[in-house]
C-alpha atoms as a PDB file:
ATOM      1  CA  UNK A   1      16.334 -29.465   7.163  1.00  0.00           C
ATOM      2  CA  UNK A   2      17.262 -31.201   3.924  1.00  0.00           C
ATOM      3  CA  UNK A   3      18.448 -29.055   1.032  1.00  0.00           C
ATOM      4  CA  UNK A   4      15.336 -29.902  -1.036  1.00  0.00           C
ATOM      5  CA  UNK A   5      13.129 -28.949   1.888  1.00  0.00           C
ATOM      6  CA  UNK A   6      15.097 -25.725   2.302  1.00  0.00           C
ATOM      7  CA  UNK A   7      14.618 -24.827  -1.358  1.00  0.00           C
ATOM      8  CA  UNK A   8      10.920 -25.649  -1.017  1.00  0.00           C
ATOM      9  CA  UNK A   9      10.763 -23.282   1.965  1.00  0.00           C
ATOM     10  CA  UNK A  10      12.345 -20.509  -0.113  1.00  0.00           C
ATOM     11  CA  UNK A  11       9.858 -21.176  -2.929  1.00  0.00           C
ATOM     12  CA  UNK A  12       6.983 -21.180  -0.434  1.00  0.00           C
ATOM     13  CA  UNK A  13       8.156 -17.868   1.001  1.00  0.00           C
ATOM     14  CA  UNK A  14       8.174 -16.331  -2.474  1.00  0.00           C
ATOM     15  CA  UNK A  15       4.654 -17.652  -3.155  1.00  0.00           C
ATOM     16  CA  UNK A  16       3.473 -16.342   0.200  1.00  0.00           C
ATOM     17  CA  UNK A  17       4.855 -12.871  -0.491  1.00  0.00           C
ATOM     18  CA  UNK A  18       3.168 -12.799  -3.899  1.00  0.00           C
ATOM     19  CA  UNK A  19      -0.110 -13.949  -2.335  1.00  0.00           C
ATOM     20  CA  UNK A  20       0.143 -11.214   0.300  1.00  0.00           C
ATOM     21  CA  UNK A  21       0.733  -8.659  -2.456  1.00  0.00           C
ATOM     22  CA  UNK A  22      -2.458  -9.798  -4.202  1.00  0.00           C
ATOM     23  CA  UNK A  23      -4.459  -9.318  -1.010  1.00  0.00           C
ATOM     24  CA  UNK A  24      -2.932  -5.904  -0.334  1.00  0.00           C
ATOM     25  CA  UNK A  25      -3.558  -4.831  -3.931  1.00  0.00           C
ATOM     26  CA  UNK A  26      -7.207  -5.874  -3.623  1.00  0.00           C
ATOM     27  CA  UNK A  27      -7.372  -4.051  -0.292  1.00  0.00           C
ATOM     28  CA  UNK A  28      -5.938  -0.908  -1.896  1.00  0.00           C
ATOM     29  CA  UNK A  29      -8.506  -1.070  -4.686  1.00  0.00           C
ATOM     30  CA  UNK A  30     -11.303  -1.449  -2.136  1.00  0.00           C
ATOM     31  CA  UNK A  31     -10.011   1.441  -0.044  1.00  0.00           C
ATOM     32  CA  UNK A  32      -9.872   3.707  -3.068  1.00  0.00           C
ATOM     33  CA  UNK A  33     -13.334   2.534  -4.142  1.00  0.00           C
ATOM     34  CA  UNK A  34     -14.644   3.359  -0.667  1.00  0.00           C
ATOM     35  CA  UNK A  35     -13.206   6.848  -0.938  1.00  0.00           C
ATOM     36  CA  UNK A  36     -14.686   7.486  -4.373  1.00  0.00           C
ATOM     37  CA  UNK A  37     -18.092   5.871  -3.858  1.00  0.00           C
ATOM     38  CA  UNK A  38     -18.824   7.129  -0.347  1.00  0.00           C
ATOM     39  CA  UNK A  39     -20.072   3.610   0.363  1.00  0.00           C
ATOM     40  CA  UNK A  40     -20.827   3.138   4.068  1.00  0.00           C
ATOM     41  CA  UNK A  41     -20.187  -0.628   4.191  1.00  0.00           C
ATOM     42  CA  UNK A  42     -17.037  -0.910   2.100  1.00  0.00           C
ATOM     43  CA  UNK A  43     -14.803   1.070   4.485  1.00  0.00           C
ATOM     44  CA  UNK A  44     -15.825  -1.213   7.347  1.00  0.00           C
ATOM     45  CA  UNK A  45     -14.946  -4.279   5.265  1.00  0.00           C
ATOM     46  CA  UNK A  46     -11.542  -2.796   4.431  1.00  0.00           C
ATOM     47  CA  UNK A  47     -10.856  -1.987   8.081  1.00  0.00           C
ATOM     48  CA  UNK A  48     -11.898  -5.487   9.176  1.00  0.00           C
ATOM     49  CA  UNK A  49      -9.547  -7.157   6.673  1.00  0.00           C
ATOM     50  CA  UNK A  50      -6.518  -5.299   8.023  1.00  0.00           C
ATOM     51  CA  UNK A  51      -6.171  -7.867  10.817  1.00  0.00           C
ATOM     52  CA  UNK A  52      -5.743 -10.609   8.204  1.00  0.00           C
ATOM     53  CA  UNK A  53      -2.886  -8.714   6.581  1.00  0.00           C
ATOM     54  CA  UNK A  54      -1.258  -8.048   9.954  1.00  0.00           C
ATOM     55  CA  UNK A  55      -1.484 -11.727  10.900  1.00  0.00           C
ATOM     56  CA  UNK A  56      -0.078 -12.754   7.536  1.00  0.00           C
ATOM     57  CA  UNK A  57       2.790 -10.304   7.972  1.00  0.00           C
ATOM     58  CA  UNK A  58       3.714 -11.799  11.345  1.00  0.00           C
ATOM     59  CA  UNK A  59       3.627 -15.348   9.952  1.00  0.00           C
ATOM     60  CA  UNK A  60       5.793 -14.470   6.956  1.00  0.00           C
ATOM     61  CA  UNK A  61       8.171 -12.458   9.115  1.00  0.00           C
ATOM     62  CA  UNK A  62       8.666 -15.563  11.251  1.00  0.00           C
ATOM     63  CA  UNK A  63       9.306 -17.606   8.100  1.00  0.00           C
ATOM     64  CA  UNK A  64      12.093 -15.204   7.139  1.00  0.00           C
ATOM     65  CA  UNK A  65      13.605 -15.263  10.607  1.00  0.00           C
ATOM     66  CA  UNK A  66      13.488 -19.068  10.708  1.00  0.00           C
ATOM     67  CA  UNK A  67      15.117 -19.382   7.285  1.00  0.00           C
ATOM     68  CA  UNK A  68      17.916 -17.029   8.278  1.00  0.00           C
ATOM     69  CA  UNK A  69      18.390 -18.451  11.760  1.00  0.00           C
ATOM     70  CA  UNK A  70      18.171 -22.131  10.937  1.00  0.00           C
ATOM     71  CA  UNK A  71      19.820 -22.264   7.533  1.00  0.00           C
ATOM     72  CA  UNK A  72      22.353 -19.417   7.570  1.00  0.00           C
ATOM     73  CA  UNK A  73      21.787 -18.633   3.897  1.00  0.00           C
ATOM     74  CA  UNK A  74      24.392 -16.917   1.762  1.00  0.00           C
ATOM     75  CA  UNK A  75      24.483 -14.847  -1.425  1.00  0.00           C
ATOM     76  CA  UNK A  76      21.405 -15.167  -3.654  1.00  0.00           C
ATOM     77  CA  UNK A  77      19.280 -17.015  -1.109  1.00  0.00           C
ATOM     78  CA  UNK A  78      20.003 -14.432   1.566  1.00  0.00           C
ATOM     79  CA  UNK A  79      19.039 -11.668  -0.884  1.00  0.00           C
ATOM     80  CA  UNK A  80      15.727 -13.413  -1.607  1.00  0.00           C
ATOM     81  CA  UNK A  81      14.940 -13.751   2.088  1.00  0.00           C
ATOM     82  CA  UNK A  82      15.901 -10.172   2.946  1.00  0.00           C
ATOM     83  CA  UNK A  83      14.011  -8.803  -0.076  1.00  0.00           C
ATOM     84  CA  UNK A  84      10.988 -10.847   0.985  1.00  0.00           C
ATOM     85  CA  UNK A  85      11.249  -9.479   4.510  1.00  0.00           C
ATOM     86  CA  UNK A  86      11.433  -5.896   3.226  1.00  0.00           C
ATOM     87  CA  UNK A  87       8.535  -6.429   0.831  1.00  0.00           C
ATOM     88  CA  UNK A  88       6.206  -7.907   3.451  1.00  0.00           C
ATOM     89  CA  UNK A  89       7.034  -4.997   5.740  1.00  0.00           C
ATOM     90  CA  UNK A  90       6.112  -2.543   2.984  1.00  0.00           C
ATOM     91  CA  UNK A  91       2.972  -4.508   2.108  1.00  0.00           C
ATOM     92  CA  UNK A  92       1.867  -4.452   5.731  1.00  0.00           C
ATOM     93  CA  UNK A  93       2.441  -0.692   5.801  1.00  0.00           C
ATOM     94  CA  UNK A  94       0.376  -0.262   2.630  1.00  0.00           C
ATOM     95  CA  UNK A  95      -2.367  -2.248   4.358  1.00  0.00           C
ATOM     96  CA  UNK A  96      -2.224   0.145   7.322  1.00  0.00           C
ATOM     97  CA  UNK A  97      -2.412   3.170   5.032  1.00  0.00           C
ATOM     98  CA  UNK A  98      -5.398   1.664   3.216  1.00  0.00           C
ATOM     99  CA  UNK A  99      -7.081   1.210   6.596  1.00  0.00           C
ATOM    100  CA  UNK A 100      -6.444   4.891   7.334  1.00  0.00           C
ATOM    101  CA  UNK A 101      -7.936   5.750   3.950  1.00  0.00           C
ATOM    102  CA  UNK A 102     -11.015   3.630   4.692  1.00  0.00           C
ATOM    103  CA  UNK A 103     -11.416   5.315   8.082  1.00  0.00           C
ATOM    104  CA  UNK A 104     -11.251   8.688   6.354  1.00  0.00           C
ATOM    105  CA  UNK A 105     -13.757   7.551   3.716  1.00  0.00           C
ATOM    106  CA  UNK A 106     -16.102   6.430   6.468  1.00  0.00           C
ATOM    107  CA  UNK A 107     -15.837   9.662   8.462  1.00  0.00           C
ATOM    108  CA  UNK A 108     -15.621  12.199   5.638  1.00  0.00           C
ATOM    109  CA  UNK A 109     -18.500  14.625   5.576  1.00  0.00           C
ATOM    110  CA  UNK A 110     -17.776  15.824   2.067  1.00  0.00           C
ATOM    111  CA  UNK A 111     -16.859  14.517  -1.337  1.00  0.00           C
ATOM    112  CA  UNK A 112     -13.295  14.047  -2.440  1.00  0.00           C
ATOM    113  CA  UNK A 113     -11.566  17.252  -3.537  1.00  0.00           C
ATOM    114  CA  UNK A 114     -12.556  17.500  -7.212  1.00  0.00           C
ATOM    115  CA  UNK A 115      -9.272  19.205  -8.109  1.00  0.00           C
ATOM    116  CA  UNK A 116      -7.324  16.110  -6.984  1.00  0.00           C
ATOM    117  CA  UNK A 117      -7.251  13.432  -9.654  1.00  0.00           C
ATOM    118  CA  UNK A 118      -7.602  10.370  -7.419  1.00  0.00           C
ATOM    119  CA  UNK A 119      -8.148   8.119 -10.434  1.00  0.00           C
ATOM    120  CA  UNK A 120      -4.780   9.058 -11.906  1.00  0.00           C
ATOM    121  CA  UNK A 121      -3.022   8.502  -8.582  1.00  0.00           C
ATOM    122  CA  UNK A 122      -4.900   5.209  -8.231  1.00  0.00           C
ATOM    123  CA  UNK A 123      -3.822   3.935 -11.645  1.00  0.00           C
ATOM    124  CA  UNK A 124      -0.200   4.954 -11.127  1.00  0.00           C
ATOM    125  CA  UNK A 125      -0.021   3.479  -7.620  1.00  0.00           C
ATOM    126  CA  UNK A 126      -1.596   0.161  -8.564  1.00  0.00           C
ATOM    127  CA  UNK A 127       0.636   0.024 -11.637  1.00  0.00           C
ATOM    128  CA  UNK A 128       3.720   0.588  -9.521  1.00  0.00           C
ATOM    129  CA  UNK A 129       2.724  -2.093  -7.013  1.00  0.00           C
ATOM    130  CA  UNK A 130       2.081  -4.563  -9.835  1.00  0.00           C
ATOM    131  CA  UNK A 131       5.434  -3.746 -11.448  1.00  0.00           C
ATOM    132  CA  UNK A 132       7.225  -4.157  -8.128  1.00  0.00           C
ATOM    133  CA  UNK A 133       5.750  -7.586  -7.542  1.00  0.00           C
ATOM    134  CA  UNK A 134       6.549  -8.653 -11.111  1.00  0.00           C
ATOM    135  CA  UNK A 135      10.141  -7.537 -10.547  1.00  0.00           C
ATOM    136  CA  UNK A 136      10.251  -9.622  -7.366  1.00  0.00           C
ATOM    137  CA  UNK A 137       8.658 -12.665  -8.979  1.00  0.00           C
ATOM    138  CA  UNK A 138      10.996 -12.536 -11.964  1.00  0.00           C
ATOM    139  CA  UNK A 139      14.067 -11.330 -10.063  1.00  0.00           C
ATOM    140  CA  UNK A 140      14.239  -8.569 -12.680  1.00  0.00           C
ATOM    141  CA  UNK A 141      16.697  -5.808 -11.720  1.00  0.00           C
ATOM    142  CA  UNK A 142      15.798  -3.610 -14.692  1.00  0.00           C
ATOM    143  CA  UNK A 143      12.157  -3.715 -13.668  1.00  0.00           C
ATOM    144  CA  UNK A 144      13.238  -2.742 -10.133  1.00  0.00           C
ATOM    145  CA  UNK A 145      14.893   0.365 -11.521  1.00  0.00           C
ATOM    146  CA  UNK A 146      11.739   1.220 -13.464  1.00  0.00           C
ATOM    147  CA  UNK A 147       9.694   0.837 -10.282  1.00  0.00           C
ATOM    148  CA  UNK A 148      11.985   3.289  -8.490  1.00  0.00           C
ATOM    149  CA  UNK A 149      11.490   5.834 -11.274  1.00  0.00           C
ATOM    150  CA  UNK A 150       7.745   5.209 -11.224  1.00  0.00           C
ATOM    151  CA  UNK A 151       7.840   5.819  -7.473  1.00  0.00           C
ATOM    152  CA  UNK A 152       9.155   9.324  -8.095  1.00  0.00           C
ATOM    153  CA  UNK A 153       6.167  10.012 -10.344  1.00  0.00           C
ATOM    154  CA  UNK A 154       3.709   8.730  -7.742  1.00  0.00           C
ATOM    155  CA  UNK A 155       5.449  10.794  -5.049  1.00  0.00           C
ATOM    156  CA  UNK A 156       5.038  13.933  -7.177  1.00  0.00           C
ATOM    157  CA  UNK A 157       1.348  13.208  -7.720  1.00  0.00           C
ATOM    158  CA  UNK A 158       0.787  12.645  -4.003  1.00  0.00           C
ATOM    159  CA  UNK A 159       2.718  15.779  -3.030  1.00  0.00           C
ATOM    160  CA  UNK A 160       0.626  17.844  -5.461  1.00  0.00           C
ATOM    161  CA  UNK A 161      -2.579  16.313  -4.070  1.00  0.00           C
ATOM    162  CA  UNK A 162      -1.484  16.994  -0.491  1.00  0.00           C
ATOM    163  CA  UNK A 163      -0.635  20.571  -1.357  1.00  0.00           C
ATOM    164  CA  UNK A 164      -4.047  21.066  -2.974  1.00  0.00           C
ATOM    165  CA  UNK A 165      -5.869  19.643   0.040  1.00  0.00           C
ATOM    166  CA  UNK A 166      -3.831  21.653   2.561  1.00  0.00           C
ATOM    167  CA  UNK A 167      -4.391  24.883   0.620  1.00  0.00           C
ATOM    168  CA  UNK A 168      -8.140  24.214   0.422  1.00  0.00           C
ATOM    169  CA  UNK A 169      -8.303  23.496   4.152  1.00  0.00           C
ATOM    170  CA  UNK A 170      -6.322  26.641   4.972  1.00  0.00           C
ATOM    171  CA  UNK A 171      -8.647  28.724   2.803  1.00  0.00           C
ATOM    172  CA  UNK A 172     -11.637  27.184   4.531  1.00  0.00           C
ATOM    173  CA  UNK A 173     -10.149  27.913   7.959  1.00  0.00           C
ATOM    174  CA  UNK A 174      -9.415  31.526   6.991  1.00  0.00           C
ATOM    175  CA  UNK A 175     -12.956  31.954   5.696  1.00  0.00           C
ATOM    176  CA  UNK A 176     -14.398  30.396   8.846  1.00  0.00           C
ATOM    177  CA  UNK A 177     -12.288  32.439  11.284  1.00  0.00           C
ATOM    178  CA  UNK A 178     -12.965  35.694   9.434  1.00  0.00           C
ATOM    179  CA  UNK A 179     -16.681  35.170   9.966  1.00  0.00           C
ATOM    180  CA  UNK A 180     -17.339  34.324   6.339  1.00  0.00           C
ATOM    181  CA  UNK A 181     -18.763  30.901   5.670  1.00  0.00           C
ATOM    182  CA  UNK A 182     -18.746  30.421   1.897  1.00  0.00           C
ATOM    183  CA  UNK A 183     -21.353  27.648   1.973  1.00  0.00           C
ATOM    184  CA  UNK A 184     -23.879  29.642   4.000  1.00  0.00           C
ATOM    185  CA  UNK A 185     -23.598  32.657   1.740  1.00  0.00           C
ATOM    186  CA  UNK A 186     -24.439  30.730  -1.406  1.00  0.00           C
END
């Protein structure tokens, strides 16, 4: 492979990763919309699109492997390829989690827990994903550090939401097993 062709392959990989991030971001928005709207069709669309993300992941993974195996990159180029590989792996995982969210949205027999601020988590998560991809596109190390800090904030929000949901489910189970069904007594 000529050097120009090699550099074009690196540029193409970067474009592909950014394209995948756009699809995953759109998928995340749709999954969250499905959860909030209790739309019956949207979750199915989200679930169906997961195969596209998985296929894309496998193609881009092979690109990374080929670039490493055939060109034996060093220094900056190797960092770009390995960062790209890590990012596509994370993007694919986000796609899987969005599919899980859509499956939950489809099967849920109740509204979202009102005490969990899904909109705030949504904004922060989408913001963090956007920042991360901007850091990648611009090779901006300071932005990477900001993303890591932002990740801590999102983790705290998600832990609080999980705690709220678990406590509510435990209270429901206690009420149900004690013979008291709060909904039937209202």
